[in-house]
Amino acid sequence: MNPHSSLTSEQRAAAVDLFEAGHGFKATASSLGVGRQALRILFERWKLHGRRALVEKRTKERFPFETKLEIVRRRLAGETATDLCSEYGLSSRKILNKWVRIFHDQGEYGLRPRPRGRPKRREPAASEPISELERLRQENERLRAQVAYLGKLKALRDQERP
């Protein structure tokens, strides 16, 4: 079961039974006494996957750039989102709609994979030895900052003492 869903597993199973009997998500929500939004999402997944909509996927599937681009181009050419989702095994139409929106906003570049995590820290170029004069300037700058910090700290401590 989706951890963000407001439906229990029993409610989800009963809802799928009603979907299979021909009820829509609004009628099912009324008969089960649950919210329409959660049932609408379940109904969309049920239309795509049938009873497998009750099974939670353990892993998040990643699609290569070329596949995403092909799916988006086929969607823009007029194929239905439901057919494409069924063919490629997408869990919902939301993913496809998101890819189409990204394609409209950013073009092909938006569908390309991005590096994950924080960028690595750049190390200073060790191959270029700095001159003695530059090293002394850097040390002088560091010492001035240290003296200014200690002066501010002393001033704050003097203010606290009445």
C-alpha atoms as a PDB file:
ATOM      1  CA  MET A   1       0.000   0.000   0.000  1.00  0.00           C
ATOM      2  CA  ASN A   2       1.172   3.508  -0.755  1.00  0.00           C
ATOM      3  CA  PRO A   3       2.327   5.079   2.537  1.00  0.00           C
ATOM      4  CA  HIS A   4       0.823   8.426   1.474  1.00  0.00           C
ATOM      5  CA  SER A   5      -2.617   6.975   0.676  1.00  0.00           C
ATOM      6  CA  SER A   6      -5.497   7.600   3.031  1.00  0.00           C
ATOM      7  CA  LEU A   7      -7.004   4.217   2.130  1.00  0.00           C
ATOM      8  CA  THR A   8      -6.429   1.019   4.055  1.00  0.00           C
ATOM      9  CA  SER A   9      -5.572  -2.155   2.183  1.00  0.00           C
ATOM     10  CA  GLU A  10      -9.131  -3.449   2.813  1.00  0.00           C
ATOM     11  CA  GLN A  11     -10.644  -0.277   1.344  1.00  0.00           C
ATOM     12  CA  ARG A  12      -8.365  -0.523  -1.675  1.00  0.00           C
ATOM     13  CA  ALA A  13      -9.346  -4.164  -2.292  1.00  0.00           C
ATOM     14  CA  ALA A  14     -13.064  -3.333  -1.919  1.00  0.00           C
ATOM     15  CA  ALA A  15     -12.656  -0.394  -4.300  1.00  0.00           C
ATOM     16  CA  VAL A  16     -11.017  -2.589  -6.953  1.00  0.00           C
ATOM     17  CA  ASP A  17     -13.863  -5.088  -6.586  1.00  0.00           C
ATOM     18  CA  LEU A  18     -16.349  -2.277  -7.225  1.00  0.00           C
ATOM     19  CA  PHE A  19     -14.315  -0.996 -10.182  1.00  0.00           C
ATOM     20  CA  GLU A  20     -14.408  -4.457 -11.704  1.00  0.00           C
ATOM     21  CA  ALA A  21     -18.187  -4.533 -11.159  1.00  0.00           C
ATOM     22  CA  GLY A  22     -18.476  -1.411 -13.325  1.00  0.00           C
ATOM     23  CA  HIS A  23     -18.580   1.394 -10.741  1.00  0.00           C
ATOM     24  CA  GLY A  24     -16.671   4.613 -11.255  1.00  0.00           C
ATOM     25  CA  PHE A  25     -14.487   6.240  -8.628  1.00  0.00           C
ATOM     26  CA  LYS A  26     -17.184   8.709  -7.502  1.00  0.00           C
ATOM     27  CA  ALA A  27     -19.783   5.981  -6.886  1.00  0.00           C
ATOM     28  CA  THR A  28     -17.149   3.839  -5.185  1.00  0.00           C
ATOM     29  CA  ALA A  29     -16.116   6.733  -2.931  1.00  0.00           C
ATOM     30  CA  SER A  30     -19.733   7.270  -1.902  1.00  0.00           C
ATOM     31  CA  SER A  31     -20.392   3.598  -1.164  1.00  0.00           C
ATOM     32  CA  LEU A  32     -17.137   3.151   0.817  1.00  0.00           C
ATOM     33  CA  GLY A  33     -17.354   6.543   2.542  1.00  0.00           C
ATOM     34  CA  VAL A  34     -13.837   7.622   1.566  1.00  0.00           C
ATOM     35  CA  GLY A  35     -12.355  10.615  -0.247  1.00  0.00           C
ATOM     36  CA  ARG A  36     -12.656  10.918  -4.008  1.00  0.00           C
ATOM     37  CA  GLN A  37      -9.092  12.043  -4.652  1.00  0.00           C
ATOM     38  CA  ALA A  38      -7.446   8.891  -3.298  1.00  0.00           C
ATOM     39  CA  LEU A  39      -9.935   6.730  -5.203  1.00  0.00           C
ATOM     40  CA  ARG A  40      -9.416   8.677  -8.406  1.00  0.00           C
ATOM     41  CA  ILE A  41      -5.690   7.898  -8.260  1.00  0.00           C
ATOM     42  CA  LEU A  42      -6.401   4.227  -7.539  1.00  0.00           C
ATOM     43  CA  PHE A  43      -8.961   4.143 -10.375  1.00  0.00           C
ATOM     44  CA  GLU A  44      -6.408   5.527 -12.859  1.00  0.00           C
ATOM     45  CA  ARG A  45      -3.869   2.922 -11.785  1.00  0.00           C
ATOM     46  CA  TRP A  46      -6.531   0.190 -11.953  1.00  0.00           C
ATOM     47  CA  LYS A  47      -7.390   1.195 -15.555  1.00  0.00           C
ATOM     48  CA  LEU A  48      -3.733   0.725 -16.457  1.00  0.00           C
ATOM     49  CA  HIS A  49      -2.811  -2.354 -14.448  1.00  0.00           C
ATOM     50  CA  GLY A  50      -6.010  -4.080 -13.318  1.00  0.00           C
ATOM     51  CA  ARG A  51      -5.684  -5.945  -9.994  1.00  0.00           C
ATOM     52  CA  ARG A  52      -1.943  -5.353 -10.013  1.00  0.00           C
ATOM     53  CA  ALA A  53      -2.750  -1.781  -8.919  1.00  0.00           C
ATOM     54  CA  LEU A  54      -3.038  -3.197  -5.393  1.00  0.00           C
ATOM     55  CA  VAL A  55       0.553  -4.412  -5.416  1.00  0.00           C
ATOM     56  CA  GLU A  56       3.142  -1.851  -4.383  1.00  0.00           C
ATOM     57  CA  LYS A  57       6.256  -1.659  -6.543  1.00  0.00           C
ATOM     58  CA  ARG A  58       9.353  -2.147  -4.438  1.00  0.00           C
ATOM     59  CA  THR A  59      11.741  -0.222  -6.664  1.00  0.00           C
ATOM     60  CA  LYS A  60      11.479   2.910  -8.675  1.00  0.00           C
ATOM     61  CA  GLU A  61      12.155   2.118 -12.314  1.00  0.00           C
ATOM     62  CA  ARG A  62      14.437   4.474 -14.205  1.00  0.00           C
ATOM     63  CA  PHE A  63      14.052   4.984 -17.917  1.00  0.00           C
ATOM     64  CA  PRO A  64      16.938   5.895 -20.223  1.00  0.00           C
ATOM     65  CA  PHE A  65      16.901   9.241 -21.982  1.00  0.00           C
ATOM     66  CA  GLU A  66      16.226   7.689 -25.399  1.00  0.00           C
ATOM     67  CA  THR A  67      13.168   5.818 -24.107  1.00  0.00           C
ATOM     68  CA  LYS A  68      11.750   8.930 -22.432  1.00  0.00           C
ATOM     69  CA  LEU A  69      12.253  10.927 -25.608  1.00  0.00           C
ATOM     70  CA  GLU A  70      10.559   8.267 -27.736  1.00  0.00           C
ATOM     71  CA  ILE A  71       7.567   8.061 -25.383  1.00  0.00           C
ATOM     72  CA  VAL A  72       7.161  11.860 -25.310  1.00  0.00           C
ATOM     73  CA  ARG A  73       7.419  12.164 -29.082  1.00  0.00           C
ATOM     74  CA  ARG A  74       4.815   9.440 -29.557  1.00  0.00           C
ATOM     75  CA  ARG A  75       2.513  11.196 -27.068  1.00  0.00           C
ATOM     76  CA  LEU A  76       2.903  14.500 -28.890  1.00  0.00           C
ATOM     77  CA  ALA A  77       2.191  12.707 -32.179  1.00  0.00           C
ATOM     78  CA  GLY A  78      -1.263  11.835 -30.835  1.00  0.00           C
ATOM     79  CA  GLU A  79      -1.035   8.425 -29.174  1.00  0.00           C
ATOM     80  CA  THR A  80      -3.046   8.077 -25.973  1.00  0.00           C
ATOM     81  CA  ALA A  81      -1.314   8.282 -22.640  1.00  0.00           C
ATOM     82  CA  THR A  82      -3.062   5.133 -21.406  1.00  0.00           C
ATOM     83  CA  ASP A  83      -1.759   3.061 -24.321  1.00  0.00           C
ATOM     84  CA  LEU A  84       1.781   4.358 -23.892  1.00  0.00           C
ATOM     85  CA  CYS A  85       1.743   3.740 -20.136  1.00  0.00           C
ATOM     86  CA  SER A  86       0.556   0.187 -20.667  1.00  0.00           C
ATOM     87  CA  GLU A  87       3.116  -0.491 -23.391  1.00  0.00           C
ATOM     88  CA  TYR A  88       6.125   0.830 -21.457  1.00  0.00           C
ATOM     89  CA  GLY A  89       4.997  -0.230 -17.969  1.00  0.00           C
ATOM     90  CA  LEU A  90       4.679   3.260 -16.500  1.00  0.00           C
ATOM     91  CA  SER A  91       2.946   3.191 -13.123  1.00  0.00           C
ATOM     92  CA  SER A  92       0.680   6.159 -13.894  1.00  0.00           C
ATOM     93  CA  ARG A  93      -0.094   8.817 -16.491  1.00  0.00           C
ATOM     94  CA  LYS A  94       1.327  11.466 -14.168  1.00  0.00           C
ATOM     95  CA  ILE A  95       4.860  10.413 -15.066  1.00  0.00           C
ATOM     96  CA  LEU A  96       4.170  10.771 -18.775  1.00  0.00           C
ATOM     97  CA  ASN A  97       2.439  14.132 -18.308  1.00  0.00           C
ATOM     98  CA  LYS A  98       5.445  15.344 -16.293  1.00  0.00           C
ATOM     99  CA  TRP A  99       7.860  14.281 -19.047  1.00  0.00           C
ATOM    100  CA  VAL A 100       5.755  16.066 -21.678  1.00  0.00           C
ATOM    101  CA  ARG A 101       5.657  19.241 -19.557  1.00  0.00           C
ATOM    102  CA  ILE A 102       9.442  19.123 -19.040  1.00  0.00           C
ATOM    103  CA  PHE A 103       9.936  18.588 -22.785  1.00  0.00           C
ATOM    104  CA  HIS A 104       7.793  21.660 -23.565  1.00  0.00           C
ATOM    105  CA  ASP A 105       9.620  23.805 -20.989  1.00  0.00           C
ATOM    106  CA  GLN A 106      13.237  22.678 -21.420  1.00  0.00           C
ATOM    107  CA  GLY A 107      13.366  20.623 -24.602  1.00  0.00           C
ATOM    108  CA  GLU A 108      15.318  17.392 -24.909  1.00  0.00           C
ATOM    109  CA  TYR A 109      17.859  18.599 -22.366  1.00  0.00           C
ATOM    110  CA  GLY A 110      15.256  18.461 -19.586  1.00  0.00           C
ATOM    111  CA  LEU A 111      14.778  14.713 -20.042  1.00  0.00           C
ATOM    112  CA  ARG A 112      18.488  13.927 -19.738  1.00  0.00           C
ATOM    113  CA  PRO A 113      19.659  12.404 -16.427  1.00  0.00           C
ATOM    114  CA  ARG A 114      21.249  14.737 -13.915  1.00  0.00           C
ATOM    115  CA  PRO A 115      24.108  13.913 -11.554  1.00  0.00           C
ATOM    116  CA  ARG A 116      22.730  13.072  -8.137  1.00  0.00           C
ATOM    117  CA  GLY A 117      23.931  14.475  -4.823  1.00  0.00           C
ATOM    118  CA  ARG A 118      26.085  17.394  -3.905  1.00  0.00           C
ATOM    119  CA  PRO A 119      28.849  18.307  -6.355  1.00  0.00           C
ATOM    120  CA  LYS A 120      32.343  17.310  -5.260  1.00  0.00           C
ATOM    121  CA  ARG A 121      34.476  19.984  -3.699  1.00  0.00           C
ATOM    122  CA  ARG A 122      37.088  21.372  -6.006  1.00  0.00           C
ATOM    123  CA  GLU A 123      40.604  20.912  -4.718  1.00  0.00           C
ATOM    124  CA  PRO A 124      43.018  23.781  -5.195  1.00  0.00           C
ATOM    125  CA  ALA A 125      45.450  23.262  -7.997  1.00  0.00           C
ATOM    126  CA  ALA A 126      48.425  21.637  -6.275  1.00  0.00           C
ATOM    127  CA  SER A 127      50.513  21.603  -9.437  1.00  0.00           C
ATOM    128  CA  GLU A 128      51.043  25.375  -9.339  1.00  0.00           C
ATOM    129  CA  PRO A 129      53.314  26.315  -6.441  1.00  0.00           C
ATOM    130  CA  ILE A 130      52.436  29.742  -5.069  1.00  0.00           C
ATOM    131  CA  SER A 131      55.154  32.321  -4.675  1.00  0.00           C
ATOM    132  CA  GLU A 132      56.534  33.298  -1.279  1.00  0.00           C
ATOM    133  CA  LEU A 133      55.003  36.756  -1.642  1.00  0.00           C
ATOM    134  CA  GLU A 134      51.519  35.313  -2.347  1.00  0.00           C
ATOM    135  CA  ARG A 135      51.804  32.920   0.595  1.00  0.00           C
ATOM    136  CA  LEU A 136      52.717  35.806   2.916  1.00  0.00           C
ATOM    137  CA  ARG A 137      49.808  37.898   1.613  1.00  0.00           C
ATOM    138  CA  GLN A 138      47.371  35.049   2.311  1.00  0.00           C
ATOM    139  CA  GLU A 139      48.777  34.586   5.813  1.00  0.00           C
ATOM    140  CA  ASN A 140      48.582  38.331   6.453  1.00  0.00           C
ATOM    141  CA  GLU A 141      44.919  38.360   5.342  1.00  0.00           C
ATOM    142  CA  ARG A 142      44.107  35.401   7.606  1.00  0.00           C
ATOM    143  CA  LEU A 143      45.815  37.029  10.603  1.00  0.00           C
ATOM    144  CA  ARG A 144      43.967  40.340  10.035  1.00  0.00           C
ATOM    145  CA  ALA A 145      40.646  38.499   9.998  1.00  0.00           C
ATOM    146  CA  GLN A 146      41.610  36.690  13.203  1.00  0.00           C
ATOM    147  CA  VAL A 147      42.559  39.951  14.956  1.00  0.00           C
ATOM    148  CA  ALA A 148      39.270  41.578  13.824  1.00  0.00           C
ATOM    149  CA  TYR A 149      37.271  38.591  15.125  1.00  0.00           C
ATOM    150  CA  LEU A 150      39.038  38.636  18.496  1.00  0.00           C
ATOM    151  CA  GLY A 151      38.506  42.397  18.763  1.00  0.00           C
ATOM    152  CA  LYS A 152      34.747  42.001  18.165  1.00  0.00           C
ATOM    153  CA  LEU A 153      34.610  39.160  20.685  1.00  0.00           C
ATOM    154  CA  LYS A 154      36.367  41.297  23.313  1.00  0.00           C
ATOM    155  CA  ALA A 155      33.952  44.183  22.626  1.00  0.00           C
ATOM    156  CA  LEU A 156      30.946  41.906  23.081  1.00  0.00           C
ATOM    157  CA  ARG A 157      32.292  40.524  26.355  1.00  0.00           C
ATOM    158  CA  ASP A 158      32.944  44.060  27.616  1.00  0.00           C
ATOM    159  CA  GLN A 159      29.305  44.990  26.818  1.00  0.00           C
ATOM    160  CA  GLU A 160      27.962  42.045  28.833  1.00  0.00           C
ATOM    161  CA  ARG A 161      29.886  43.084  31.974  1.00  0.00           C
ATOM    162  CA  PRO A 162      28.097  45.942  33.718  1.00  0.00           C
END
